[in-house]
Amino acid sequence: MTSQDFAPTAGTAARLPQERRVVTEIPGPRSRELQQRRIAAVPPGVGSVLPVYVTDADGGVVVDADGNSLIDFGSGIAVTNVGNANPRVAERVARQAGRFTHTCFMVAPYESYVAVCERLNRLTPGDHEKRSFLVNSGAEAVENAVKIARYATGRQAVVVFDHGYHGRTLLTMTLTAKNMPYKQGFGPYAPEVYRMPMAYPYRWPTGPANCGPEAAAQAIEQITKQIGASNVAAVVVEPIQGEGGFVEPAPGFLPAIAEFCRESGALFVADEVQTGFARTGDLFACEHEGIVPDIVTTAKGIAGGLPLAGVTGRAEIMDRVHGGGLGGTYGGNPLACEAALAVLEEIEEGGLVERARRIGEIMLPRLRELAGRYPAIGDVRGRGAMIAIELVREGTKEPDPELTAEIARRCHARGLLVLTAGTYGNVLRFLPPLVIPERLLLEGLDVIEAAFAL
């Protein structure tokens, strides 16, 4: 099988035609009808990137209610890494649904929950003994990681970073950096959370070459002076920041922070919710610099679209929490566990770590060439299939969220689903399914180029 005909699952042809097909304006009449129903039923606080109503999806495409087939550069925000409705995932979920759909693992356990935890213990970075447990969402996983860190260390302070995003619950909203739309009007926030500078190479005052060591030194100095290293329970960080604009920390920054944690007794928590499960060209993004976290949180790509998240940590940390202190009614639902086992098989058997690297090898040079022709593209960054471009006003580094929104609108109108991100709202982020056919990936890049040419 060549990269040109890469299929959604090992040895299986795509169920839907892998093509961009625009047959109406986007959104079309049927989607507009459904949007009117939505307005009457759903509060406006629940937003959508593009109000097209999906009826089918497979491989690298999503099909809407008007019959338009859009190239998918979003993957449900890095969820459908193995492709939407992946046959192996669908088959295992359907088989499980015919047996039982819920018992609550805390009431009557089942093997698939244990099997997912065993796989997480084996696959997450580090060869030390680990324990895992399962919850429903990335925010829930991060919140539990903080709970465990506070319990295990007897400390309260939690350190996070500029531009970080960790969720929408009270605690994870507090951990999140961006005010609009995530925090505005929802305070007061949780106590004992402290924010430090992030090693953001494109925006570092003295330039990218100095960014890693200078940002680490600043963060460690502020922690030591303002909080006291002995008071820090956990440092929580995304190895590549997601909603913050796909900020890839400058080399050396994360290892320096991890070393600080080892020396001070704080726990290093890697939030791999968006970066995990082959997305960045490694199974987990923190592997890129050889970082071994004390706790790893996972979600999104873990179960092919079913709600599931995990918290994996060193056994001596995880085992400290008293019986009954962790859990939840739906955490590790049996349908989601079967989906996760299928996803992990797909990643391994389908060579999706390597496939993510190949996507990066295609996208990054093409986007850098585009940046050379359009000065509004201030930065191109990312790894694997987690790529972004940051848009600025020409001749400056001033963010240009208006142009960003317009480029996204042009892409949508031409049948390419893209997402925006960034603290300043000026980042286009690209998260294609890892199984997208290469010709479709190239066509999506053509659409992006055309959007800038208008």
Protein backbone atom coordinates (compact mmCIF):
# COMPACT_ATOMS: atom_id res chain seq x y z
CA MET A 1 0.00 0.00 0.00
CA THR A 2 1.40 3.38 -0.99
CA SER A 3 0.92 6.68 0.83
CA GLN A 4 -1.42 7.72 -2.00
CA ASP A 5 -4.00 5.02 -1.21
CA PHE A 6 -3.58 4.78 2.56
CA ALA A 7 -6.83 3.30 3.85
CA PRO A 8 -8.79 4.20 6.99
CA THR A 9 -7.86 0.93 8.65
CA ALA A 10 -5.24 -1.68 7.96
CA GLY A 11 -6.31 -3.69 4.92
CA THR A 12 -9.74 -2.04 4.62
CA ALA A 13 -10.93 0.24 1.82
CA ALA A 14 -12.65 3.54 2.65
CA ARG A 15 -16.42 3.25 3.03
CA LEU A 16 -17.09 6.75 1.63
CA PRO A 17 -15.53 8.32 -1.49
CA GLN A 18 -12.44 10.15 -0.31
CA GLU A 19 -13.16 13.35 -2.21
CA ARG A 20 -13.99 17.00 -1.73
CA ARG A 21 -17.43 17.64 -3.20
CA VAL A 22 -19.25 20.97 -2.90
CA VAL A 23 -22.80 20.75 -4.27
CA THR A 24 -24.43 23.67 -2.40
CA GLU A 25 -23.24 26.80 -0.72
CA ILE A 26 -21.83 25.98 2.72
CA PRO A 27 -23.83 25.82 4.90
CA GLY A 28 -26.54 24.55 2.57
CA PRO A 29 -30.33 24.81 2.92
CA ARG A 30 -30.80 21.68 5.02
CA SER A 31 -28.04 22.71 7.43
CA ARG A 32 -29.59 26.17 7.69
CA GLU A 33 -32.92 24.60 8.59
CA LEU A 34 -31.29 22.54 11.30
CA GLN A 35 -29.45 25.62 12.54
CA GLN A 36 -32.78 27.36 13.13
CA ARG A 37 -33.94 24.39 15.21
CA ARG A 38 -30.70 24.53 17.14
CA ILE A 39 -31.12 28.24 17.91
CA ALA A 40 -34.49 27.48 19.49
CA ALA A 41 -33.22 24.51 21.50
CA VAL A 42 -29.55 25.06 22.39
CA PRO A 43 -28.07 28.05 24.26
CA PRO A 44 -25.74 30.28 22.24
CA GLY A 45 -22.93 29.63 24.71
CA VAL A 46 -22.39 26.30 22.94
CA GLY A 47 -20.61 27.37 19.78
CA SER A 48 -19.72 25.58 16.54
CA VAL A 49 -16.88 26.24 14.15
CA LEU A 50 -19.02 25.64 11.08
CA PRO A 51 -22.83 25.19 11.16
CA VAL A 52 -22.99 22.27 8.75
CA TYR A 53 -24.86 19.28 10.11
CA VAL A 54 -22.98 16.04 9.62
CA THR A 55 -24.69 12.89 8.40
CA ASP A 56 -21.66 10.70 7.69
CA ALA A 57 -17.87 10.69 8.04
CA ASP A 58 -15.06 8.33 7.11
CA GLY A 59 -11.31 8.52 6.58
CA GLY A 60 -10.48 12.10 5.63
CA VAL A 61 -13.99 13.42 4.84
CA VAL A 62 -17.19 14.52 6.58
CA VAL A 63 -20.50 14.64 4.69
CA ASP A 64 -23.20 17.14 5.59
CA ALA A 65 -26.99 17.10 5.38
CA ASP A 66 -26.88 18.77 1.95
CA GLY A 67 -24.57 16.18 0.43
CA ASN A 68 -21.38 18.24 0.58
CA SER A 69 -18.23 16.23 1.26
CA LEU A 70 -15.65 18.28 3.16
CA ILE A 71 -11.98 17.45 3.67
CA ASP A 72 -11.48 17.05 7.40
CA PHE A 73 -8.55 19.00 8.84
CA GLY A 74 -10.09 18.97 12.33
CA SER A 75 -10.63 15.33 13.42
CA GLY A 76 -13.17 16.50 16.00
CA ILE A 77 -10.26 18.36 17.66
CA ALA A 78 -7.73 15.51 17.45
CA VAL A 79 -10.23 12.81 18.42
CA THR A 80 -10.72 10.70 15.29
CA ASN A 81 -7.04 9.95 14.74
CA VAL A 82 -7.87 6.49 13.35
CA GLY A 83 -10.68 7.84 11.15
CA ASN A 84 -14.34 8.41 11.86
CA ALA A 85 -16.47 5.28 12.31
CA ASN A 86 -13.32 3.19 12.03
CA PRO A 87 -14.53 -0.34 11.20
CA ARG A 88 -12.60 -2.05 13.97
CA VAL A 89 -13.82 0.49 16.52
CA ALA A 90 -17.42 0.26 15.30
CA GLU A 91 -17.43 -3.53 15.34
CA ARG A 92 -16.08 -3.81 18.87
CA VAL A 93 -18.46 -1.18 20.20
CA ALA A 94 -21.46 -2.85 18.53
CA ARG A 95 -20.49 -6.24 19.91
CA GLN A 96 -20.12 -4.84 23.40
CA ALA A 97 -23.45 -2.99 23.15
CA GLY A 98 -25.12 -6.33 22.55
CA ARG A 99 -23.70 -7.73 25.79
CA PHE A 100 -23.99 -4.89 28.34
CA THR A 101 -23.67 -1.13 28.19
CA HIS A 102 -23.00 -0.21 31.82
CA THR A 103 -22.48 -1.61 35.28
CA CYS A 104 -20.30 1.13 36.80
CA PHE A 105 -16.79 -0.18 37.30
CA MET A 106 -17.00 0.79 40.97
CA VAL A 107 -20.01 -1.53 41.37
CA ALA A 108 -19.21 -4.52 39.19
CA PRO A 109 -15.95 -4.37 37.20
CA TYR A 110 -15.15 -5.82 33.78
CA GLU A 111 -12.02 -6.90 31.94
CA SER A 112 -11.91 -4.24 29.22
CA TYR A 113 -11.36 -1.46 31.79
CA VAL A 114 -8.41 -3.36 33.21
CA ALA A 115 -7.06 -4.07 29.73
CA VAL A 116 -7.11 -0.36 28.78
CA CYS A 117 -5.27 0.51 32.00
CA GLU A 118 -2.69 -2.19 31.33
CA ARG A 119 -2.10 -0.75 27.86
CA LEU A 120 -1.76 2.80 29.19
CA ASN A 121 0.69 1.63 31.83
CA ARG A 122 2.80 -0.04 29.16
CA LEU A 123 2.61 2.63 26.45
CA THR A 124 3.02 5.91 28.34
CA PRO A 125 6.61 7.14 28.77
CA GLY A 126 8.86 5.45 31.32
CA ASP A 127 9.53 1.85 32.29
CA HIS A 128 8.63 2.33 35.96
CA GLU A 129 5.64 0.62 37.57
CA LYS A 130 2.43 2.54 36.88
CA ARG A 131 -1.25 2.62 37.68
CA SER A 132 -4.10 4.04 35.57
CA PHE A 133 -7.77 4.77 36.04
CA LEU A 134 -10.41 5.98 33.60
CA VAL A 135 -12.77 8.96 33.52
CA ASN A 136 -14.91 10.68 30.89
CA SER A 137 -13.10 13.76 29.57
CA GLY A 138 -9.78 15.54 29.38
CA ALA A 139 -10.85 18.14 31.92
CA GLU A 140 -11.85 15.39 34.35
CA ALA A 141 -8.50 13.69 33.85
CA VAL A 142 -6.54 16.88 34.54
CA GLU A 143 -8.65 17.66 37.60
CA ASN A 144 -8.00 14.18 38.98
CA ALA A 145 -4.27 14.51 38.28
CA VAL A 146 -4.21 17.63 40.44
CA LYS A 147 -6.20 15.90 43.17
CA ILE A 148 -3.73 13.02 43.22
CA ALA A 149 -0.70 15.32 43.18
CA ARG A 150 -2.02 17.30 46.14
CA TYR A 151 -2.86 14.15 48.05
CA ALA A 152 0.48 12.47 47.35
CA THR A 153 2.68 15.49 48.11
CA GLY A 154 0.68 17.12 50.89
CA ARG A 155 1.10 20.42 49.03
CA GLN A 156 -1.47 22.72 47.43
CA ALA A 157 0.16 24.98 44.81
CA VAL A 158 -0.27 24.13 41.13
CA VAL A 159 1.86 25.75 38.42
CA VAL A 160 0.62 26.23 34.85
CA PHE A 161 1.79 28.32 31.89
CA ASP A 162 0.77 31.21 29.69
CA HIS A 163 -1.35 30.16 26.69
CA GLY A 164 -2.24 26.83 28.31
CA TYR A 165 -5.66 25.20 28.03
CA HIS A 166 -6.76 22.41 30.37
CA GLY A 167 -10.57 22.37 30.36
CA ARG A 168 -13.82 24.05 31.35
CA THR A 169 -14.56 22.79 34.88
CA LEU A 170 -13.95 25.20 37.74
CA LEU A 171 -10.43 23.95 38.45
CA THR A 172 -9.36 23.36 34.85
CA MET A 173 -10.88 26.68 33.78
CA THR A 174 -8.67 28.24 36.44
CA LEU A 175 -5.67 26.39 35.02
CA THR A 176 -6.55 27.68 31.53
CA ALA A 177 -4.89 30.93 30.47
CA LYS A 178 -7.30 32.44 27.93
CA ASN A 179 -10.13 34.57 29.31
CA MET A 180 -12.52 34.75 26.30
CA PRO A 181 -14.45 32.61 25.82
CA TYR A 182 -13.40 30.15 28.50
CA LYS A 183 -13.35 32.19 31.72
CA GLN A 184 -15.17 35.48 31.19
CA GLY A 185 -17.87 35.92 33.84
CA PHE A 186 -17.44 32.47 35.38
CA GLY A 187 -15.34 33.41 38.45
CA PRO A 188 -14.36 33.31 41.22
CA TYR A 189 -11.73 30.75 40.37
CA ALA A 190 -10.04 27.97 42.31
CA PRO A 191 -7.22 29.00 44.67
CA GLU A 192 -3.53 28.09 44.68
CA VAL A 193 -3.01 28.18 40.90
CA TYR A 194 0.00 30.12 39.58
CA ARG A 195 0.82 30.98 35.97
CA MET A 196 4.36 31.15 34.56
CA PRO A 197 5.84 32.29 31.22
CA MET A 198 5.75 29.80 28.36
CA ALA A 199 8.68 29.25 26.01
CA TYR A 200 6.87 30.62 22.94
CA PRO A 201 9.65 30.84 20.34
CA TYR A 202 7.90 33.12 17.84
CA ARG A 203 7.05 35.71 20.48
CA TRP A 204 10.03 35.43 22.83
CA PRO A 205 11.56 38.94 23.25
CA THR A 206 15.20 37.92 22.68
CA GLY A 207 14.48 35.47 19.86
CA PRO A 208 13.86 31.73 19.42
CA ALA A 209 17.47 30.70 20.08
CA ASN A 210 17.35 32.06 23.63
CA CYS A 211 13.77 31.09 24.35
CA GLY A 212 14.15 27.66 25.98
CA PRO A 213 16.75 28.39 28.64
CA GLU A 214 15.53 31.93 29.36
CA ALA A 215 11.88 30.93 29.75
CA ALA A 216 12.79 28.00 32.01
CA ALA A 217 15.03 30.19 34.16
CA GLN A 218 12.30 32.83 34.48
CA ALA A 219 9.65 30.26 35.39
CA ILE A 220 11.83 28.54 37.98
CA GLU A 221 12.87 31.86 39.53
CA GLN A 222 9.27 33.01 39.81
CA ILE A 223 8.15 29.71 41.29
CA THR A 224 10.95 29.82 43.84
CA LYS A 225 10.40 33.44 44.83
CA GLN A 226 6.63 33.80 44.58
CA ILE A 227 5.38 30.38 45.66
CA GLY A 228 8.25 28.49 47.23
CA ALA A 229 9.37 25.30 45.53
CA SER A 230 8.50 23.22 48.59
CA ASN A 231 4.85 24.31 48.28
CA VAL A 232 4.33 23.12 44.69
CA ALA A 233 2.28 19.95 44.33
CA ALA A 234 2.35 19.81 40.53
CA VAL A 235 3.49 21.54 37.39
CA VAL A 236 0.88 20.91 34.68
CA VAL A 237 1.93 21.50 31.07
CA GLU A 238 0.92 20.53 27.54
CA PRO A 239 3.98 19.25 25.62
CA ILE A 240 2.56 21.20 22.68
CA GLN A 241 -0.11 23.69 23.65
CA GLY A 242 -3.44 23.07 21.95
CA GLU A 243 -6.07 25.80 22.23
CA GLY A 244 -3.25 28.25 23.00
CA GLY A 245 -2.17 28.07 19.36
CA PHE A 246 -0.10 24.89 18.93
CA VAL A 247 2.81 26.52 20.70
CA GLU A 248 5.71 24.07 20.63
CA PRO A 249 7.94 24.96 23.59
CA ALA A 250 11.47 25.86 22.64
CA PRO A 251 14.00 23.01 22.97
CA GLY A 252 15.25 22.51 26.50
CA PHE A 253 12.34 24.20 28.24
CA LEU A 254 10.36 21.10 29.20
CA PRO A 255 13.43 19.09 30.30
CA ALA A 256 14.49 21.99 32.55
CA ILE A 257 11.02 22.17 34.12
CA ALA A 258 10.98 18.39 34.59
CA GLU A 259 14.37 18.54 36.29
CA PHE A 260 13.13 21.30 38.60
CA CYS A 261 10.22 19.06 39.57
CA ARG A 262 12.54 16.15 40.36
CA GLU A 263 14.75 18.32 42.53
CA SER A 264 11.92 20.06 44.38
CA GLY A 265 9.58 17.11 44.90
CA ALA A 266 6.83 18.58 42.74
CA LEU A 267 5.10 16.26 40.28
CA PHE A 268 5.45 16.83 36.53
CA VAL A 269 2.02 16.34 34.94
CA ALA A 270 1.98 16.05 31.14
CA ASP A 271 -1.40 17.04 29.72
CA GLU A 272 -1.39 14.85 26.59
CA VAL A 273 -5.13 15.21 26.00
CA GLN A 274 -4.69 16.72 22.52
CA THR A 275 -1.15 15.56 21.75
CA GLY A 276 -1.49 11.89 22.66
CA PHE A 277 -1.98 8.72 20.61
CA ALA A 278 0.37 9.30 17.67
CA ARG A 279 -0.86 12.81 16.82
CA THR A 280 2.59 14.45 16.89
CA GLY A 281 4.65 11.69 15.30
CA ASP A 282 5.41 10.07 18.64
CA LEU A 283 2.90 8.01 20.58
CA PHE A 284 3.07 10.79 23.20
CA ALA A 285 4.49 14.25 22.55
CA CYS A 286 6.70 14.36 25.66
CA GLU A 287 8.74 11.51 24.18
CA HIS A 288 10.22 13.99 21.70
CA GLU A 289 12.67 15.29 24.33
CA GLY A 290 12.80 12.11 26.38
CA ILE A 291 10.62 13.44 29.21
CA VAL A 292 9.16 10.90 31.63
CA PRO A 293 6.25 12.52 33.49
CA ASP A 294 5.10 11.54 36.95
CA ILE A 295 1.49 11.67 35.75
CA VAL A 296 0.09 11.67 32.20
CA THR A 297 -3.46 12.67 31.30
CA THR A 298 -5.02 11.35 28.10
CA ALA A 299 -8.37 11.70 26.30
CA LYS A 300 -9.50 12.82 22.80
CA GLY A 301 -7.73 10.32 20.51
CA ILE A 302 -7.96 7.46 23.01
CA ALA A 303 -11.32 6.00 21.95
CA GLY A 304 -12.14 7.07 18.40
CA GLY A 305 -14.89 9.48 19.43
CA LEU A 306 -16.39 7.79 22.47
CA PRO A 307 -16.07 9.65 25.79
CA LEU A 308 -13.04 8.29 27.63
CA ALA A 309 -9.99 9.71 29.37
CA GLY A 310 -7.19 8.31 31.47
CA VAL A 311 -4.91 9.26 34.32
CA THR A 312 -1.66 7.28 34.43
CA GLY A 313 1.02 7.78 37.05
CA ARG A 314 3.83 6.29 39.03
CA ALA A 315 2.52 3.44 41.16
CA GLU A 316 3.88 4.89 44.39
CA ILE A 317 1.96 8.12 43.72
CA MET A 318 -1.30 6.62 42.48
CA ASP A 319 -1.44 4.01 45.26
CA ARG A 320 -1.45 6.63 48.01
CA VAL A 321 -5.05 7.74 47.50
CA HIS A 322 -7.49 6.05 49.88
CA GLY A 323 -10.09 3.59 48.61
CA GLY A 324 -13.11 5.31 47.09
CA GLY A 325 -11.23 8.59 46.57
CA LEU A 326 -11.16 8.21 42.79
CA GLY A 327 -13.80 7.23 40.27
CA GLY A 328 -17.14 8.25 38.80
CA THR A 329 -20.36 6.69 37.56
CA TYR A 330 -19.49 6.54 33.87
CA GLY A 331 -15.69 6.51 33.99
CA GLY A 332 -14.35 3.70 31.81
CA ASN A 333 -17.71 2.83 30.26
CA PRO A 334 -17.46 -0.62 28.63
CA LEU A 335 -18.33 0.68 25.14
CA ALA A 336 -15.59 3.30 25.36
CA CYS A 337 -13.09 0.77 26.69
CA GLU A 338 -13.69 -1.54 23.73
CA ALA A 339 -13.27 1.43 21.41
CA ALA A 340 -9.97 2.34 23.08
CA LEU A 341 -8.61 -1.17 22.69
CA ALA A 342 -9.52 -1.06 19.00
CA VAL A 343 -7.87 2.36 18.58
CA LEU A 344 -4.63 1.18 20.15
CA GLU A 345 -4.60 -1.84 17.84
CA GLU A 346 -5.18 0.44 14.84
CA ILE A 347 -2.34 2.76 15.81
CA GLU A 348 0.09 -0.14 16.13
CA GLU A 349 -1.00 -2.27 13.18
CA GLY A 350 -1.66 0.67 10.87
CA GLY A 351 1.70 2.33 11.52
CA LEU A 352 -0.02 5.57 12.50
CA VAL A 353 2.95 7.01 14.40
CA GLU A 354 4.92 6.89 11.16
CA ARG A 355 1.90 8.11 9.22
CA ALA A 356 1.70 11.22 11.47
CA ARG A 357 5.34 11.94 10.72
CA ARG A 358 4.66 11.60 7.00
CA ILE A 359 1.79 14.11 7.27
CA GLY A 360 4.16 16.59 8.90
CA GLU A 361 6.76 16.00 6.18
CA ILE A 362 4.15 16.94 3.59
CA MET A 363 2.47 19.85 5.34
CA LEU A 364 5.34 21.78 6.92
CA PRO A 365 7.42 22.46 3.77
CA ARG A 366 4.32 23.39 1.79
CA LEU A 367 3.12 25.83 4.46
CA ARG A 368 6.61 27.31 4.87
CA GLU A 369 6.75 27.91 1.14
CA LEU A 370 3.37 29.62 1.41
CA ALA A 371 4.68 31.78 4.26
CA GLY A 372 7.51 32.90 2.00
CA ARG A 373 4.92 34.33 -0.41
CA TYR A 374 2.43 35.75 2.10
CA PRO A 375 3.97 37.92 4.86
CA ALA A 376 0.74 37.64 6.84
CA ILE A 377 1.89 34.14 7.82
CA GLY A 378 4.21 35.03 10.67
CA ASP A 379 5.01 31.52 11.86
CA VAL A 380 4.59 27.90 10.77
CA ARG A 381 5.00 25.35 13.53
CA GLY A 382 4.07 21.96 14.92
CA ARG A 383 5.04 18.30 14.70
CA GLY A 384 3.53 15.33 12.96
CA ALA A 385 -0.14 15.88 12.20
CA MET A 386 -0.48 18.79 14.66
CA ILE A 387 0.41 21.81 12.52
CA ALA A 388 -0.45 25.52 12.72
CA ILE A 389 0.16 28.85 11.06
CA GLU A 390 0.04 32.14 12.98
CA LEU A 391 -1.30 35.16 11.11
CA VAL A 392 -0.10 38.71 11.77
CA ARG A 393 -0.42 42.15 10.25
CA GLU A 394 2.22 42.55 7.57
CA GLY A 395 5.54 43.91 8.78
CA THR A 396 4.70 43.30 12.44
CA LYS A 397 3.98 40.51 14.89
CA GLU A 398 0.63 42.08 15.75
CA PRO A 399 -1.99 39.31 15.75
CA ASP A 400 -4.55 39.42 12.95
CA PRO A 401 -7.64 37.53 14.15
CA GLU A 402 -9.82 39.11 11.45
CA LEU A 403 -7.71 37.68 8.63
CA THR A 404 -7.58 34.35 10.44
CA ALA A 405 -11.37 34.18 10.57
CA GLU A 406 -11.62 35.20 6.91
CA ILE A 407 -9.14 32.54 5.74
CA ALA A 408 -11.04 29.92 7.74
CA ARG A 409 -14.32 31.09 6.16
CA ARG A 410 -12.82 30.84 2.66
CA CYS A 411 -11.59 27.31 3.38
CA HIS A 412 -14.99 26.28 4.71
CA ALA A 413 -16.77 27.69 1.66
CA ARG A 414 -14.53 25.57 -0.58
CA GLY A 415 -15.07 22.35 1.32
CA LEU A 416 -12.17 22.23 3.79
CA LEU A 417 -12.89 22.05 7.52
CA VAL A 418 -10.20 23.93 9.46
CA LEU A 419 -10.08 25.17 13.06
CA THR A 420 -8.83 28.37 14.63
CA ALA A 421 -7.00 28.71 17.93
CA GLY A 422 -4.56 30.87 19.86
CA THR A 423 -4.63 33.26 22.78
CA TYR A 424 -5.01 36.08 20.26
CA GLY A 425 -7.40 34.22 17.95
CA ASN A 426 -4.90 34.40 15.10
CA VAL A 427 -3.87 30.78 14.55
CA LEU A 428 -5.15 28.32 11.97
CA ARG A 429 -4.61 24.80 13.24
CA PHE A 430 -4.63 21.64 11.18
CA LEU A 431 -5.43 18.22 12.66
CA PRO A 432 -6.15 15.83 9.78
CA PRO A 433 -7.05 12.24 10.62
CA LEU A 434 -3.91 10.14 10.57
CA VAL A 435 -5.53 7.91 7.93
CA ILE A 436 -6.29 10.70 5.45
CA PRO A 437 -5.28 9.74 1.88
CA GLU A 438 -2.22 11.69 0.78
CA ARG A 439 -3.93 13.06 -2.33
CA LEU A 440 -6.71 14.46 -0.12
CA LEU A 441 -4.14 16.01 2.20
CA LEU A 442 -2.49 17.69 -0.79
CA GLU A 443 -5.86 18.90 -2.06
CA GLY A 444 -6.58 20.43 1.35
CA LEU A 445 -3.29 22.32 1.13
CA ASP A 446 -4.34 23.54 -2.32
CA VAL A 447 -7.53 24.95 -0.79
CA ILE A 448 -5.52 26.77 1.89
CA GLU A 449 -3.24 28.24 -0.75
CA ALA A 450 -6.23 29.38 -2.80
CA ALA A 451 -7.74 31.00 0.29
CA PHE A 452 -4.66 33.20 0.66
CA ALA A 453 -4.56 34.00 -3.07
CA LEU A 454 -7.99 35.70 -3.06
